[in-house]
C-alpha cells in the first residue's frame, strides 16, 4: 500500500473547519472540497451506511452494469477519481469488475481512509491526493476510470473529462455514477430541509429529550451543511452531461438515470439519522431503512423507469470510451 501526495492540497487532513475557514471557502470551491471532505472523512462511511459487504457490492455492481454493461470484466488497471473512502472502487473490485486499483481525491483525509479500507480488505492500492482537473498519471495508462458522486463537485467538468480520456488507454472506458439531476436535487434538498427542521424541533420536546443532539453537535452540523452548499457545484440534465463528454473527445457516450421514489425516501431517512444520536438507532432501523429503499428502488427500476421521464430521477450515470 502506497500513498503519494501531489497538487496543492495540504499534506495533513483537517478534521474540523473553523467558521473563518468556512467563510474563506465560499470564494474557493476547491478549498471548500478539501475542508468539507477532510472534515467528513472519519465519519463518512457511517453517515452514508457505506460498507464492503454484499449489500454495497450489489449496489456498486448494479450501478456500473446499469450504464456500461458487463462486457470486459475484469478491467485490468482502474483509477477512481474523487474516491472518497473507496466505496465505488473497492466494492467493484469485490464484485470482480476490476483488478488493480488506484485512487485519487482532493481531500487527504479521504485518500487515507480509502487506503485504510483497502488494506482492511487485503487489497493493495496506490493513492494520490490530486485534482480531478489535473490527474497525476501519464497518458494511456488505465483500462478503466470511475467515479461516484464526484462530477458535481468539480468546477470544470469538461476539463475533468479531458483528463480522464488522456489517462485512459485507447478503447478504455469511464463510468461515473451517483450524480444528481437538476430535478432530483431540487426535491431531495427540500425534503432534507423539512426533515431536519421537523426532527430538531420535535426532539426539543421534553419527552423526546434523549433524542436531541447537543447544541455543539448541531452547530457543527450546520457548519458542515454550509460547506456542503459550497462543494455541491452542479446538477445535471442527462443530455447536457453527454454533451460535456462528447466535447472532451469521448465516443460511445451513454447516460442512464435511476432512483425516483427511492430518493424521496432515502434523503429524509439519511437526514433523520444525522439529526439524532446514532446510539438511538439500532439494527431494526437500519433494516427498515435498507429494505424500504430497496423496495422503492425496485419499483423505480422495474416500473417507473418505463413511464417517467429520465430527467425526473435523482441519479444520472454516464459512460463513454476513448477513441481507438
Protein backbone atom coordinates (compact mmCIF):
# COMPACT_ATOMS: atom_id res chain seq x y z
CA UNK A 1 0.00 0.00 0.00
CA UNK A 2 1.49 3.33 -1.06
CA UNK A 3 0.36 6.90 -0.91
CA UNK A 4 1.90 9.93 -2.56
CA UNK A 5 0.50 13.42 -2.33
CA UNK A 6 0.56 15.77 -5.29
CA UNK A 7 -1.02 19.09 -6.08
CA UNK A 8 -1.87 21.96 -3.75
CA UNK A 9 -3.76 20.02 -1.09
CA UNK A 10 -2.40 20.07 2.43
CA UNK A 11 -0.37 17.02 3.46
CA UNK A 12 -2.37 16.79 6.68
CA UNK A 13 -6.10 16.21 6.84
CA UNK A 14 -8.06 18.90 8.67
CA UNK A 15 -10.83 17.15 10.66
CA UNK A 16 -12.53 20.39 11.74
CA UNK A 17 -13.04 23.61 9.83
CA UNK A 18 -13.41 26.90 11.68
CA UNK A 19 -16.06 29.46 10.88
CA UNK A 20 -13.32 31.62 9.34
CA UNK A 21 -12.20 28.79 7.04
CA UNK A 22 -15.80 28.14 6.01
CA UNK A 23 -16.15 31.83 5.14
CA UNK A 24 -12.98 31.74 3.02
CA UNK A 25 -14.19 28.60 1.28
CA UNK A 26 -17.21 30.44 -0.13
CA UNK A 27 -14.79 32.06 -2.58
CA UNK A 28 -12.78 28.89 -3.30
CA UNK A 29 -14.73 25.71 -4.11
CA UNK A 30 -11.59 23.58 -4.16
CA UNK A 31 -10.64 24.74 -0.66
CA UNK A 32 -14.23 24.00 0.35
CA UNK A 33 -13.92 20.48 -1.02
CA UNK A 34 -10.74 19.85 0.96
CA UNK A 35 -12.16 21.25 4.20
CA UNK A 36 -15.53 19.56 3.89
CA UNK A 37 -14.28 16.12 2.89
CA UNK A 38 -11.41 16.13 5.38
CA UNK A 39 -14.00 17.03 7.98
CA UNK A 40 -16.28 14.20 6.88
CA UNK A 41 -13.62 11.54 6.24
CA UNK A 42 -13.66 9.90 9.66
CA UNK A 43 -17.44 9.56 9.85
CA UNK A 44 -18.36 9.38 6.16
CA UNK A 45 -18.86 5.62 5.94
CA UNK A 46 -21.17 5.60 8.95
CA UNK A 47 -23.06 8.68 7.73
CA UNK A 48 -23.84 7.13 4.34
CA UNK A 49 -24.10 3.50 5.53
CA UNK A 50 -21.08 2.55 3.41
CA UNK A 51 -19.82 -0.99 3.83
CA UNK A 52 -17.96 -3.62 1.86
CA UNK A 53 -20.41 -6.47 2.11
CA UNK A 54 -22.93 -7.97 -0.31
CA UNK A 55 -25.34 -5.06 0.09
CA UNK A 56 -22.89 -2.46 -1.20
CA UNK A 57 -21.16 -4.87 -3.60
CA UNK A 58 -24.51 -5.44 -5.32
CA UNK A 59 -25.29 -1.72 -5.36
CA UNK A 60 -21.94 -0.73 -6.92
CA UNK A 61 -22.00 -3.56 -9.45
CA UNK A 62 -25.59 -2.78 -10.46
CA UNK A 63 -24.87 0.93 -10.90
CA UNK A 64 -21.89 0.08 -13.11
CA UNK A 65 -23.66 -2.54 -15.23
CA UNK A 66 -26.81 -0.40 -15.48
CA UNK A 67 -24.99 2.05 -17.73
CA UNK A 68 -21.92 0.15 -19.00
CA UNK A 69 -22.97 -3.50 -19.18
CA UNK A 70 -20.88 -6.49 -18.10
CA UNK A 71 -18.53 -6.98 -21.05
CA UNK A 72 -14.78 -6.68 -20.48
CA UNK A 73 -14.77 -7.74 -16.82
CA UNK A 74 -12.41 -7.67 -15.11
CA UNK A 75 -10.79 -4.43 -16.26
CA UNK A 76 -7.07 -4.72 -15.63
CA UNK A 77 -5.95 -1.35 -14.27
CA UNK A 78 -8.52 1.05 -12.82
CA UNK A 79 -8.44 4.56 -11.39
CA UNK A 80 -11.10 6.17 -9.22
CA UNK A 81 -11.11 9.97 -9.20
CA UNK A 82 -12.75 11.65 -6.24
CA UNK A 83 -12.53 8.32 -4.46
CA UNK A 84 -13.90 9.39 -1.09
CA UNK A 85 -13.44 6.44 1.25
CA UNK A 86 -13.08 3.99 -1.64
CA UNK A 87 -16.72 2.90 -1.74
CA UNK A 88 -17.08 2.52 -5.52
CA UNK A 89 -13.69 1.10 -6.48
CA UNK A 90 -13.39 -1.35 -3.58
CA UNK A 91 -16.91 -2.72 -3.98
CA UNK A 92 -16.42 -3.05 -7.73
CA UNK A 93 -13.20 -4.95 -7.06
CA UNK A 94 -15.06 -7.25 -4.67
CA UNK A 95 -17.67 -7.74 -7.42
CA UNK A 96 -14.99 -8.81 -9.92
CA UNK A 97 -15.38 -5.76 -12.16
CA UNK A 98 -11.74 -4.64 -11.91
CA UNK A 99 -8.34 -5.93 -10.87
CA UNK A 100 -5.65 -3.37 -9.98
CA UNK A 101 -6.84 -0.24 -8.17
CA UNK A 102 -5.57 3.35 -7.91
CA UNK A 103 -7.40 6.18 -6.13
CA UNK A 104 -7.20 9.97 -6.11
CA UNK A 105 -9.08 12.65 -4.20
CA UNK A 106 -8.57 16.33 -3.46
CA UNK A 107 -9.01 15.52 0.24
CA UNK A 108 -6.01 13.96 2.03
CA UNK A 109 -8.34 12.63 4.71
CA UNK A 110 -10.45 10.75 2.18
CA UNK A 111 -7.42 9.19 0.47
CA UNK A 112 -6.11 7.99 3.81
CA UNK A 113 -9.44 6.37 4.70
CA UNK A 114 -9.72 4.76 1.24
CA UNK A 115 -6.28 3.21 1.61
CA UNK A 116 -7.13 2.03 5.10
CA UNK A 117 -10.35 0.47 3.86
CA UNK A 118 -8.46 -1.23 1.06
CA UNK A 119 -5.85 -2.60 3.46
CA UNK A 120 -8.63 -3.91 5.69
CA UNK A 121 -9.95 -5.89 2.74
CA UNK A 122 -6.48 -7.19 1.87
CA UNK A 123 -6.13 -5.02 -1.25
CA UNK A 124 -3.02 -3.06 -2.14
CA UNK A 125 -3.96 0.32 -3.59
CA UNK A 126 -1.96 3.33 -4.69
CA UNK A 127 -3.46 6.62 -3.54
CA UNK A 128 -2.65 10.17 -4.53
CA UNK A 129 -4.05 13.47 -3.33
CA UNK A 130 -4.83 15.21 -6.59
CA UNK A 131 -7.18 17.48 -8.51
CA UNK A 132 -9.53 15.76 -10.98
CA UNK A 133 -8.81 18.59 -13.43
CA UNK A 134 -5.11 17.63 -13.44
CA UNK A 135 -4.73 13.88 -12.91
CA UNK A 136 -1.12 12.99 -11.93
CA UNK A 137 -0.70 9.95 -14.21
CA UNK A 138 0.82 9.58 -17.68
CA UNK A 139 -1.14 9.28 -20.90
CA UNK A 140 -2.68 5.95 -21.94
CA UNK A 141 -2.29 4.39 -18.50
CA UNK A 142 -5.63 2.90 -17.40
CA UNK A 143 -8.18 0.46 -18.76
CA UNK A 144 -10.96 1.98 -16.67
CA UNK A 145 -11.60 5.29 -14.88
CA UNK A 146 -14.52 5.51 -12.47
CA UNK A 147 -16.12 7.90 -10.01
CA UNK A 148 -19.15 8.03 -7.77
CA UNK A 149 -20.84 11.30 -6.76
CA UNK A 150 -17.79 13.32 -7.80
CA UNK A 151 -18.52 15.23 -11.03
CA UNK A 152 -20.91 17.62 -9.30
CA UNK A 153 -18.02 18.74 -7.03
CA UNK A 154 -15.63 19.61 -9.90
CA UNK A 155 -15.58 23.24 -11.13
CA UNK A 156 -14.65 22.39 -14.75
CA UNK A 157 -16.35 19.07 -15.57
CA UNK A 158 -15.34 19.16 -19.24
CA UNK A 159 -11.68 19.55 -18.27
CA UNK A 160 -12.04 16.60 -15.90
CA UNK A 161 -13.42 14.51 -18.78
CA UNK A 162 -10.41 15.54 -20.90
CA UNK A 163 -8.06 14.35 -18.16
CA UNK A 164 -9.97 11.09 -17.82
CA UNK A 165 -9.63 10.47 -21.55
CA UNK A 166 -5.95 11.42 -21.50
CA UNK A 167 -5.03 8.81 -18.89
CA UNK A 168 -7.23 6.12 -20.43
CA UNK A 169 -5.74 3.69 -22.91
CA UNK A 170 -7.26 3.81 -26.42
CA UNK A 171 -10.56 1.97 -26.17
CA UNK A 172 -10.59 2.38 -22.39
CA UNK A 173 -13.85 3.13 -20.61
CA UNK A 174 -15.00 5.61 -17.98
CA UNK A 175 -18.05 5.21 -15.74
CA UNK A 176 -19.41 7.88 -13.39
CA UNK A 177 -22.44 7.20 -11.22
CA UNK A 178 -24.36 8.87 -8.41
CA UNK A 179 -24.56 12.34 -9.99
CA UNK A 180 -27.59 14.49 -9.11
CA UNK A 181 -30.08 15.54 -11.74
CA UNK A 182 -31.49 19.04 -11.62
CA UNK A 183 -35.00 17.98 -10.62
CA UNK A 184 -33.84 15.18 -8.31
CA UNK A 185 -31.57 17.51 -6.37
CA UNK A 186 -34.32 20.14 -6.09
CA UNK A 187 -36.70 17.65 -4.47
CA UNK A 188 -34.07 15.93 -2.29
CA UNK A 189 -32.81 19.16 -0.74
CA UNK A 190 -36.27 20.35 0.15
CA UNK A 191 -37.21 17.01 1.69
CA UNK A 192 -33.96 17.04 3.67
CA UNK A 193 -34.51 20.57 4.96
CA UNK A 194 -38.06 19.75 6.02
CA UNK A 195 -36.90 16.56 7.78
CA UNK A 196 -34.09 18.40 9.60
CA UNK A 197 -36.44 21.15 10.76
CA UNK A 198 -39.10 18.70 11.92
CA UNK A 199 -36.66 16.40 13.73
CA UNK A 200 -34.67 19.09 15.53
CA UNK A 201 -37.87 20.83 16.66
CA UNK A 202 -39.59 17.61 17.77
CA UNK A 203 -36.61 16.48 19.85
CA UNK A 204 -36.76 19.71 21.86
CA UNK A 205 -39.94 18.38 23.43
CA UNK A 206 -39.10 17.20 26.96
CA UNK A 207 -40.43 13.67 26.42
CA UNK A 208 -38.04 13.24 23.49
CA UNK A 209 -35.08 14.90 25.19
CA UNK A 210 -32.94 11.80 24.90
CA UNK A 211 -33.25 12.01 21.13
CA UNK A 212 -31.78 15.50 20.92
CA UNK A 213 -28.18 16.08 19.91
CA UNK A 214 -26.15 18.61 21.85
CA UNK A 215 -26.15 22.20 20.66
CA UNK A 216 -22.44 21.98 19.82
CA UNK A 217 -23.14 18.94 17.61
CA UNK A 218 -25.96 20.79 15.89
CA UNK A 219 -23.75 23.86 15.36
CA UNK A 220 -21.03 21.69 13.82
CA UNK A 221 -23.59 20.03 11.56
CA UNK A 222 -24.76 23.48 10.48
CA UNK A 223 -21.21 24.47 9.54
CA UNK A 224 -20.85 21.19 7.65
CA UNK A 225 -24.11 21.91 5.82
CA UNK A 226 -22.79 25.35 4.90
CA UNK A 227 -19.68 23.78 3.38
CA UNK A 228 -21.78 21.18 1.60
CA UNK A 229 -23.67 24.00 -0.12
CA UNK A 230 -20.32 25.29 -1.44
CA UNK A 231 -18.92 21.97 -2.65
CA UNK A 232 -22.08 20.90 -4.49
CA UNK A 233 -21.44 22.93 -7.63
CA UNK A 234 -23.59 21.29 -10.30
CA UNK A 235 -26.72 19.40 -11.08
CA UNK A 236 -27.03 17.74 -14.47
CA UNK A 237 -29.53 17.08 -17.18
CA UNK A 238 -28.53 13.78 -18.85
CA UNK A 239 -28.30 15.37 -22.31
CA UNK A 240 -26.07 18.18 -21.02
CA UNK A 241 -23.76 15.69 -19.33
CA UNK A 242 -23.48 13.71 -22.56
CA UNK A 243 -22.55 16.90 -24.44
CA UNK A 244 -19.74 17.65 -21.98
CA UNK A 245 -18.26 14.18 -22.50
CA UNK A 246 -18.56 14.46 -26.29
CA UNK A 247 -16.87 17.87 -26.33
CA UNK A 248 -14.00 16.44 -24.30
CA UNK A 249 -13.44 13.84 -27.02
CA UNK A 250 -15.29 10.77 -25.79
CA UNK A 251 -17.16 8.34 -28.03
CA UNK A 252 -19.91 5.78 -27.34
CA UNK A 253 -21.34 8.06 -24.64
CA UNK A 254 -24.46 6.87 -22.86
CA UNK A 255 -26.41 8.01 -19.80
CA UNK A 256 -28.97 6.26 -17.61
CA UNK A 257 -30.96 7.53 -14.65
CA UNK A 258 -32.29 5.82 -11.54
CA UNK A 259 -33.92 6.48 -8.14
CA UNK A 260 -37.18 8.38 -8.00
CA UNK A 261 -39.31 7.23 -5.06
CA UNK A 262 -36.18 5.66 -3.57
CA UNK A 263 -34.61 9.13 -3.36
CA UNK A 264 -37.79 10.63 -1.90
CA UNK A 265 -37.50 8.02 0.86
CA UNK A 266 -33.72 7.85 1.21
CA UNK A 267 -32.90 11.52 1.67
CA UNK A 268 -35.28 12.10 4.60
CA UNK A 269 -34.04 8.85 6.19
CA UNK A 270 -30.41 9.97 5.97
CA UNK A 271 -31.27 13.43 7.28
CA UNK A 272 -33.15 11.96 10.24
CA UNK A 273 -30.15 9.75 11.02
CA UNK A 274 -27.90 12.81 11.03
CA UNK A 275 -30.24 14.76 13.30
CA UNK A 276 -30.46 12.28 16.21
CA UNK A 277 -27.82 10.47 18.31
CA UNK A 278 -26.64 7.38 16.44
CA UNK A 279 -26.96 5.14 19.50
CA UNK A 280 -30.75 5.64 19.37
CA UNK A 281 -30.96 3.82 16.04
CA UNK A 282 -30.36 0.10 16.14
CA UNK A 283 -30.49 -2.84 13.74
CA UNK A 284 -34.27 -2.58 13.35
CA UNK A 285 -33.98 0.95 11.99
CA UNK A 286 -31.09 0.00 9.69
CA UNK A 287 -33.10 -2.91 8.30
CA UNK A 288 -36.17 -0.69 7.79
CA UNK A 289 -34.08 1.97 6.02
CA UNK A 290 -32.37 -0.50 3.70
CA UNK A 291 -35.43 -2.62 2.93
CA UNK A 292 -37.53 0.47 2.34
CA UNK A 293 -35.00 1.95 -0.06
CA UNK A 294 -34.51 -1.43 -1.77
CA UNK A 295 -38.22 -1.94 -2.37
CA UNK A 296 -38.72 1.52 -3.80
CA UNK A 297 -35.61 1.19 -5.95
CA UNK A 298 -37.08 -1.99 -7.43
CA UNK A 299 -40.32 -0.11 -8.15
CA UNK A 300 -38.35 2.69 -9.82
CA UNK A 301 -36.26 0.31 -11.94
CA UNK A 302 -38.94 -2.17 -13.00
CA UNK A 303 -41.93 0.10 -13.49
CA UNK A 304 -41.45 3.84 -13.14
CA UNK A 305 -38.38 3.98 -15.39
CA UNK A 306 -40.65 2.91 -18.25
CA UNK A 307 -43.19 5.69 -17.80
CA UNK A 308 -41.47 8.60 -16.02
CA UNK A 309 -39.15 10.97 -17.98
CA UNK A 310 -35.47 10.26 -17.29
CA UNK A 311 -34.73 13.78 -16.09
CA UNK A 312 -37.06 13.41 -13.12
CA UNK A 313 -34.99 10.66 -11.47
CA UNK A 314 -32.40 11.58 -8.85
CA UNK A 315 -29.22 9.93 -10.14
CA UNK A 316 -27.62 10.06 -13.55
CA UNK A 317 -24.86 7.68 -14.65
CA UNK A 318 -22.61 8.20 -17.64
CA UNK A 319 -20.17 6.05 -19.58
CA UNK A 320 -18.03 6.51 -22.65
CA UNK A 321 -14.79 5.34 -24.22
CA UNK A 322 -11.58 6.82 -25.54
CA UNK A 323 -11.30 6.66 -29.32
CA UNK A 324 -9.02 3.89 -30.62
